Amino acid sequence: HAHLLPETCPRCQGTAFSGSAAGIDLLQQRWQAAELPPVLWRDGSPVAIDQPLAQHARVLVTQPALLGGAAEDVRRNERLCRAYRTLASRVQEAEGELYLQVNETDAERWLHWLTPQGVEALLLQERQDRYTFRYPPSVRLVKLLVNDLPERLQASVKTLSEAMRQAPEFLECRGPFLVEGRPASRPRSVIHLLFQPSVQEETLLTLLHPFAKRAVIDLDPIAFLR
């Protein structure tokens, strides 16, 4: 079913639309008016999606873009596809039907993700993006957390970079960047060190040991995604 948005708001005649899709209340009204079969309404949040499904359930997800969580990072599409396919699998096991409220221009992606070819294409694109922006697994990434402001760490970062150049696999140093959401009295900065994937962990331990007293060092971080 396709429905065009009005040019003006029927209540205030305003034109400053946010671009949001119709909410559950409006969808329920249109659904009932069309005398369509009853459905379970879900907003795409993990809590709503994880609720048990009855046999032959019809599930309508009004915000499928939230299936993988709201965090914006390089793994967003990967998480979204996995959560979406998991939900579709549960609906299939219940011999039910799955409906998504999506923009017409985006509908093809959701259909494609339900096929092996769609998943393969997504993973290939994800790997290419990580190669382009130098994210793992195209590089080995090391994260350092230092309790200080970035502007106070410039000299330390220069010393750190010079020490890392002892390893031929060293690529670059990124940062320092201020860690947000901390009290002003307890500032923290993050530094990223990038190496070729072939670098040995023993090499990293040797290079970083002199800096271990001042920084919290993670040789295999997952928080780089944020």
Protein backbone atom coordinates (compact mmCIF):
# COMPACT_ATOMS: atom_id res chain seq x y z
CA HIS A 1 0.00 0.00 0.00
CA ALA A 2 1.37 3.44 -0.93
CA HIS A 3 0.15 6.69 0.61
CA LEU A 4 1.36 10.17 -0.34
CA LEU A 5 2.03 12.71 2.40
CA PRO A 6 -0.18 15.84 2.23
CA GLU A 7 1.42 19.11 1.18
CA THR A 8 0.13 20.86 4.31
CA CYS A 9 -0.85 19.77 7.82
CA PRO A 10 -4.64 19.34 8.03
CA ARG A 11 -4.62 20.86 11.54
CA CYS A 12 -2.35 23.90 11.29
CA GLN A 13 -1.78 24.12 7.52
CA GLY A 14 1.97 24.10 8.19
CA THR A 15 4.51 22.69 5.74
CA ALA A 16 7.49 22.04 8.07
CA PHE A 17 7.20 18.27 8.07
CA SER A 18 9.91 16.34 9.91
CA GLY A 19 10.05 13.59 7.32
CA SER A 20 8.83 10.97 9.79
CA ALA A 21 6.59 8.14 8.71
CA ALA A 22 3.06 7.73 9.98
CA GLY A 23 2.79 6.58 13.59
CA ILE A 24 1.13 3.44 14.92
CA ASP A 25 -2.16 5.20 15.77
CA LEU A 26 -2.67 6.45 12.22
CA LEU A 27 -1.64 3.11 10.74
CA GLN A 28 -4.10 1.28 12.99
CA GLN A 29 -6.90 3.55 11.83
CA ARG A 30 -6.10 3.01 8.15
CA TRP A 31 -5.58 -0.72 8.70
CA GLN A 32 -8.96 -1.17 10.36
CA ALA A 33 -10.68 1.05 7.80
CA ALA A 34 -9.34 -1.19 5.03
CA GLU A 35 -10.63 -4.26 6.96
CA LEU A 36 -7.21 -5.93 6.80
CA PRO A 37 -6.42 -8.96 9.02
CA PRO A 38 -5.45 -8.16 12.65
CA VAL A 39 -1.70 -7.75 13.25
CA LEU A 40 0.75 -7.46 16.12
CA TRP A 41 2.13 -3.92 16.15
CA ARG A 42 5.86 -3.55 16.77
CA ASP A 43 7.96 -0.37 16.73
CA GLY A 44 11.30 -2.02 15.88
CA SER A 45 12.84 -1.76 19.36
CA PRO A 46 14.53 -4.92 20.73
CA VAL A 47 12.04 -5.14 23.61
CA ALA A 48 9.07 -5.10 21.25
CA ILE A 49 10.60 -7.47 18.72
CA ASP A 50 11.68 -10.06 21.32
CA GLN A 51 8.10 -10.62 22.54
CA PRO A 52 6.80 -14.15 21.86
CA LEU A 53 4.99 -14.78 18.58
CA ALA A 54 1.82 -16.81 18.41
CA GLN A 55 1.31 -19.36 15.66
CA HIS A 56 0.29 -17.74 12.35
CA ALA A 57 1.02 -14.28 13.79
CA ARG A 58 1.05 -11.26 11.51
CA VAL A 59 3.75 -8.80 12.59
CA LEU A 60 3.96 -5.20 11.41
CA VAL A 61 7.22 -3.35 12.20
CA THR A 62 6.69 0.40 11.96
CA GLN A 63 10.34 1.40 12.42
CA PRO A 64 12.49 -1.43 11.03
CA ALA A 65 15.55 0.86 10.97
CA LEU A 66 15.65 0.45 14.78
CA LEU A 67 15.87 -3.34 14.65
CA GLY A 68 19.63 -3.32 15.10
CA GLY A 69 19.66 -0.58 17.74
CA ALA A 70 19.99 3.17 17.35
CA ALA A 71 23.80 3.42 17.60
CA GLU A 72 25.46 4.97 14.56
CA ASP A 73 28.73 3.17 13.81
CA VAL A 74 30.40 1.20 11.06
CA ARG A 75 28.56 -1.98 12.03
CA ARG A 76 25.08 -0.49 11.91
CA ASN A 77 23.94 -2.14 8.66
CA GLU A 78 25.49 -5.44 9.71
CA ARG A 79 23.55 -5.44 13.01
CA LEU A 80 20.39 -4.27 11.27
CA CYS A 81 20.49 -7.07 8.70
CA ARG A 82 21.18 -9.71 11.34
CA ALA A 83 18.32 -8.54 13.60
CA TYR A 84 15.96 -8.30 10.64
CA ARG A 85 16.74 -11.80 9.40
CA THR A 86 16.39 -13.17 12.94
CA LEU A 87 12.92 -11.64 13.20
CA ALA A 88 11.95 -12.93 9.76
CA SER A 89 13.12 -16.40 10.77
CA ARG A 90 10.97 -16.31 13.93
CA VAL A 91 7.94 -15.22 11.90
CA GLN A 92 8.59 -18.02 9.41
CA GLU A 93 8.86 -20.58 12.21
CA ALA A 94 5.47 -19.38 13.47
CA GLU A 95 4.12 -19.75 9.92
CA GLY A 96 3.17 -16.09 10.09
CA GLU A 97 3.48 -12.98 7.96
CA LEU A 98 5.87 -10.04 8.32
CA TYR A 99 5.01 -6.49 7.26
CA LEU A 100 7.44 -3.55 7.23
CA GLN A 101 6.64 0.15 7.03
CA VAL A 102 9.44 1.51 4.84
CA ASN A 103 9.91 4.13 2.15
CA GLU A 104 9.17 2.85 -1.33
CA THR A 105 12.71 3.68 -2.48
CA ASP A 106 14.12 1.55 0.37
CA ALA A 107 11.84 -1.46 0.01
CA GLU A 108 14.16 -3.31 -2.40
CA ARG A 109 16.96 -3.40 0.20
CA TRP A 110 14.79 -5.17 2.78
CA LEU A 111 13.66 -7.77 0.25
CA HIS A 112 17.23 -8.28 -0.94
CA TRP A 113 18.50 -8.87 2.62
CA LEU A 114 16.29 -11.95 2.89
CA THR A 115 18.30 -13.69 0.15
CA PRO A 116 21.79 -15.24 0.35
CA GLN A 117 22.88 -12.93 -2.46
CA GLY A 118 21.69 -9.88 -0.53
CA VAL A 119 23.62 -10.84 2.59
CA GLU A 120 26.76 -11.55 0.56
CA ALA A 121 26.50 -8.17 -1.18
CA LEU A 122 26.08 -6.42 2.17
CA LEU A 123 29.12 -8.11 3.71
CA LEU A 124 31.27 -7.34 0.68
CA GLN A 125 30.28 -3.68 0.88
CA GLU A 126 30.94 -3.61 4.64
CA ARG A 127 34.42 -5.04 4.12
CA GLN A 128 35.15 -2.50 1.38
CA ASP A 129 34.01 0.35 3.64
CA ARG A 130 36.27 -0.85 6.44
CA TYR A 131 39.18 -1.04 4.03
CA THR A 132 38.46 2.48 2.77
CA PHE A 133 38.29 4.04 6.25
CA ARG A 134 40.95 1.78 7.80
CA TYR A 135 38.82 -0.11 10.27
CA PRO A 136 39.44 -3.72 11.35
CA PRO A 137 39.89 -6.26 9.90
CA SER A 138 41.76 -4.27 7.22
CA VAL A 139 44.06 -2.98 9.99
CA ARG A 140 45.05 -3.95 13.51
CA LEU A 141 43.74 -1.25 15.82
CA VAL A 142 45.00 -0.47 19.34
CA LYS A 143 43.18 1.92 21.65
CA LEU A 144 44.76 3.97 24.43
CA LEU A 145 42.76 5.82 27.09
CA VAL A 146 44.54 8.65 28.92
CA ASN A 147 43.02 10.68 31.76
CA ASP A 148 43.85 14.13 30.42
CA LEU A 149 42.69 16.75 27.92
CA PRO A 150 43.71 16.34 24.27
CA GLU A 151 45.51 19.69 24.18
CA ARG A 152 47.79 18.53 26.98
CA LEU A 153 48.78 15.33 25.17
CA GLN A 154 50.27 16.63 21.94
CA ALA A 155 53.87 16.09 23.03
CA SER A 156 53.05 12.64 24.42
CA VAL A 157 51.35 11.63 21.18
CA LYS A 158 54.41 12.71 19.20
CA THR A 159 56.63 10.57 21.45
CA LEU A 160 54.20 7.66 21.12
CA SER A 161 54.15 7.88 17.32
CA GLU A 162 57.94 7.96 17.12
CA ALA A 163 58.16 4.86 19.32
CA MET A 164 55.61 2.98 17.19
CA ARG A 165 57.62 3.63 14.02
CA GLN A 166 60.07 1.03 15.26
CA ALA A 167 57.60 -1.51 13.91
CA PRO A 168 57.50 -1.68 10.09
CA GLU A 169 53.80 -2.61 10.36
CA PHE A 170 52.90 0.75 11.97
CA LEU A 171 50.57 2.86 9.82
CA GLU A 172 49.41 5.93 11.70
CA CYS A 173 48.32 7.49 14.98
CA ARG A 174 44.86 9.08 15.30
CA GLY A 175 43.95 11.46 18.07
CA PRO A 176 43.92 12.39 20.81
CA PHE A 177 40.13 12.80 20.86
CA LEU A 178 38.14 13.91 23.89
CA VAL A 179 35.87 11.22 25.34
CA GLU A 180 32.43 12.76 25.65
CA GLY A 181 29.99 12.35 28.52
CA ARG A 182 32.54 12.65 31.34
CA PRO A 183 32.68 15.31 34.10
CA ALA A 184 34.89 18.30 33.31
CA SER A 185 36.95 17.49 36.40
CA ARG A 186 37.76 14.01 35.02
CA PRO A 187 38.65 14.46 31.33
CA ARG A 188 39.71 11.48 29.28
CA SER A 189 41.20 11.23 25.80
CA VAL A 190 41.35 8.34 23.36
CA ILE A 191 44.20 7.60 20.94
CA HIS A 192 44.06 5.06 18.12
CA LEU A 193 47.14 3.31 16.76
CA LEU A 194 46.82 1.57 13.41
CA PHE A 195 49.04 -1.31 12.29
CA GLN A 196 49.08 -3.77 9.43
CA PRO A 197 46.98 -6.87 10.28
CA SER A 198 50.16 -8.96 10.12
CA VAL A 199 51.70 -7.32 13.23
CA GLN A 200 52.48 -9.78 16.01
CA GLU A 201 50.99 -9.28 19.48
CA GLU A 202 54.45 -9.72 21.02
CA THR A 203 55.59 -6.72 18.99
CA LEU A 204 52.71 -4.63 20.31
CA LEU A 205 53.44 -5.64 23.89
CA THR A 206 57.08 -4.64 23.53
CA LEU A 207 56.32 -1.29 21.93
CA LEU A 208 53.53 -0.29 24.30
CA HIS A 209 54.99 -1.49 27.58
CA PRO A 210 56.69 1.88 28.34
CA PHE A 211 53.30 3.63 28.04
CA ALA A 212 51.30 1.18 30.15
CA LYS A 213 51.67 3.17 33.39
CA ARG A 214 49.94 6.25 32.03
CA ALA A 215 47.36 4.79 29.67
CA VAL A 216 44.77 2.04 29.65
CA ILE A 217 45.69 0.03 26.56
CA ASP A 218 43.34 -2.26 24.66
CA LEU A 219 45.04 -4.44 22.03
CA ASP A 220 41.78 -5.73 20.60
CA PRO A 221 39.12 -3.06 21.12
CA ILE A 222 35.51 -3.28 20.08
CA ALA A 223 34.65 0.24 21.25
CA PHE A 224 36.38 1.69 18.16
CA LEU A 225 33.02 1.23 16.47
CA ARG A 226 31.47 4.15 18.32
